[in-house]
C-alpha atoms as a PDB file:
ATOM      1  CA  MET A   1     113.285 107.838  94.903  1.00  0.00           C
ATOM      2  CA  ASP A   2     114.981 108.872  98.100  1.00  0.00           C
ATOM      3  CA  ALA A   3     118.458 107.604  98.886  1.00  0.00           C
ATOM      4  CA  HIS A   4     118.459 105.061 101.694  1.00  0.00           C
ATOM      5  CA  PRO A   5     120.499 105.695 104.822  1.00  0.00           C
ATOM      6  CA  ASP A   6     123.319 103.437 105.873  1.00  0.00           C
ATOM      7  CA  LEU A   7     121.274 100.448 106.998  1.00  0.00           C
ATOM      8  CA  SER A   8     123.876  99.380 109.543  1.00  0.00           C
ATOM      9  CA  THR A   9     123.196 102.566 111.528  1.00  0.00           C
ATOM     10  CA  LEU A  10     119.447 101.959 111.849  1.00  0.00           C
ATOM     11  CA  THR A  11     117.820 100.281 114.829  1.00  0.00           C
ATOM     12  CA  ASP A  12     115.506  97.326 114.348  1.00  0.00           C
ATOM     13  CA  ALA A  13     112.521  99.609 114.932  1.00  0.00           C
ATOM     14  CA  GLN A  14     113.761 102.062 112.290  1.00  0.00           C
ATOM     15  CA  LEU A  15     114.250  99.226 109.806  1.00  0.00           C
ATOM     16  CA  LYS A  16     110.717  97.996 110.478  1.00  0.00           C
ATOM     17  CA  ASP A  17     109.361 101.524 110.002  1.00  0.00           C
ATOM     18  CA  LEU A  18     111.240 101.851 106.712  1.00  0.00           C
ATOM     19  CA  ILE A  19     109.902  98.495 105.511  1.00  0.00           C
ATOM     20  CA  ARG A  20     106.362  99.466 106.541  1.00  0.00           C
ATOM     21  CA  SER A  21     106.646 102.824 104.795  1.00  0.00           C
ATOM     22  CA  LEU A  22     107.939 101.328 101.548  1.00  0.00           C
ATOM     23  CA  THR A  23     105.329  98.567 101.670  1.00  0.00           C
ATOM     24  CA  ASP A  24     102.568 101.152 102.077  1.00  0.00           C
ATOM     25  CA  GLU A  25     103.991 103.156  99.180  1.00  0.00           C
ATOM     26  CA  GLU A  26     104.135 100.035  96.986  1.00  0.00           C
ATOM     27  CA  ARG A  27     100.520  99.154  97.823  1.00  0.00           C
ATOM     28  CA  GLU A  28      99.371 102.628  96.817  1.00  0.00           C
ATOM     29  CA  VAL A  29     101.293 102.475  93.534  1.00  0.00           C
ATOM     30  CA  SER A  30      99.881  99.010  92.875  1.00  0.00           C
ATOM     31  CA  LYS A  31      96.339 100.209  93.628  1.00  0.00           C
ATOM     32  CA  GLN A  32      96.759 103.151  91.248  1.00  0.00           C
ATOM     33  CA  ARG A  33      98.097 100.791  88.560  1.00  0.00           C
ATOM     34  CA  ARG A  34      95.074  98.503  88.905  1.00  0.00           C
ATOM     35  CA  LEU A  35      92.698 101.469  88.771  1.00  0.00           C
ATOM     36  CA  LEU A  36      94.403 102.748  85.623  1.00  0.00           C
ATOM     37  CA  HIS A  37      94.179  99.304  84.038  1.00  0.00           C
ATOM     38  CA  GLY A  38      90.475  99.230  84.876  1.00  0.00           C
ATOM     39  CA  ARG A  39      89.921 102.620  83.277  1.00  0.00           C
ATOM     40  CA  ILE A  40      91.869 101.515  80.201  1.00  0.00           C
ATOM     41  CA  GLU A  41      89.685  98.403  79.915  1.00  0.00           C
ATOM     42  CA  LEU A  42      86.525 100.517  80.170  1.00  0.00           C
ATOM     43  CA  LEU A  43      87.779 102.801  77.417  1.00  0.00           C
ATOM     44  CA  LYS A  44      88.728  99.846  75.221  1.00  0.00           C
ATOM     45  CA  ALA A  45      85.298  98.309  75.759  1.00  0.00           C
ATOM     46  CA  GLU A  46      83.668 101.593  74.762  1.00  0.00           C
ATOM     47  CA  LEU A  47      85.778 101.815  71.618  1.00  0.00           C
ATOM     48  CA  VAL A  48      85.073  98.200  70.653  1.00  0.00           C
ATOM     49  CA  GLY A  49      81.371  98.764  71.249  1.00  0.00           C
ATOM     50  CA  ARG A  50      81.393 101.832  69.031  1.00  0.00           C
ATOM     51  CA  LEU A  51      83.307 100.068  66.277  1.00  0.00           C
ATOM     52  CA  LYS A  52      80.922  97.100  66.400  1.00  0.00           C
ATOM     53  CA  GLY A  53      77.990  99.501  66.223  1.00  0.00           C
ATOM     54  CA  ARG A  54      79.389 101.030  63.061  1.00  0.00           C
ATOM     55  CA  ASP A  55      79.696  97.590  61.491  1.00  0.00           C
ATOM     56  CA  GLU A  56      76.075  96.867  62.396  1.00  0.00           C
ATOM     57  CA  GLY A  57      74.859 100.235  61.210  1.00  0.00           C
ATOM     58  CA  GLU A  58      74.027 101.531  64.718  1.00  0.00           C
ATOM     59  CA  LEU A  59      75.869 102.817  67.735  1.00  0.00           C
ATOM     60  CA  SER A  60      76.337 100.013  70.235  1.00  0.00           C
ATOM     61  CA  VAL A  61      75.761 100.878  73.910  1.00  0.00           C
ATOM     62  CA  VAL A  62      78.278  99.646  76.472  1.00  0.00           C
ATOM     63  CA  ASP A  63      77.017  99.275  80.038  1.00  0.00           C
ATOM     64  CA  LEU A  64      79.805 101.198  81.764  1.00  0.00           C
ATOM     65  CA  ASP A  65      78.207 100.786  85.190  1.00  0.00           C
ATOM     66  CA  ALA A  66      78.243  97.004  84.854  1.00  0.00           C
ATOM     67  CA  LEU A  67      81.823  97.038  83.607  1.00  0.00           C
ATOM     68  CA  SER A  68      82.824  99.308  86.487  1.00  0.00           C
ATOM     69  CA  ARG A  69      81.267  96.941  89.031  1.00  0.00           C
ATOM     70  CA  ILE A  70      83.005  93.935  87.465  1.00  0.00           C
ATOM     71  CA  LEU A  71      86.369  95.663  87.425  1.00  0.00           C
ATOM     72  CA  ALA A  72      85.914  96.998  90.943  1.00  0.00           C
ATOM     73  CA  GLY A  73      85.259  93.447  92.107  1.00  0.00           C
ATOM     74  CA  ARG A  74      88.720  92.468  90.913  1.00  0.00           C
ATOM     75  CA  LEU A  75      90.364  94.912  93.312  1.00  0.00           C
ATOM     76  CA  PRO A  76      91.114  93.364  96.701  1.00  0.00           C
ATOM     77  CA  ASP A  77      90.247  95.210  99.887  1.00  0.00           C
ATOM     78  CA  LEU A  78      93.735  96.256 100.949  1.00  0.00           C
ATOM     79  CA  ASP A  79      92.617  96.977 104.526  1.00  0.00           C
ATOM     80  CA  LYS A  80      91.613  93.328 104.961  1.00  0.00           C
ATOM     81  CA  LEU A  81      94.899  92.091 103.493  1.00  0.00           C
ATOM     82  CA  GLU A  82      97.138  94.042 105.879  1.00  0.00           C
ATOM     83  CA  GLY A  83      96.379  92.060 109.033  1.00  0.00           C
ATOM     84  CA  ASP A  84      98.644  94.255 111.230  1.00  0.00           C
END
């Protein structure tokens, strides 16, 4: 992470720009985290389905498209949340 400048030397506009920049960066990191969690959940579901299939004597099929749509629905539209 970059070192921050002496905040007392920044103008109000520079402070606002810094806040905006860090907020944008945090949103991107948060989005990536949610996407990774979604991928992890899909992989877990696949593994559980396979393990259940073994117990039942057949390979269970997980509907990855349906799971993807469900998980995608949990992600908010960040453009609509900004309201700038």
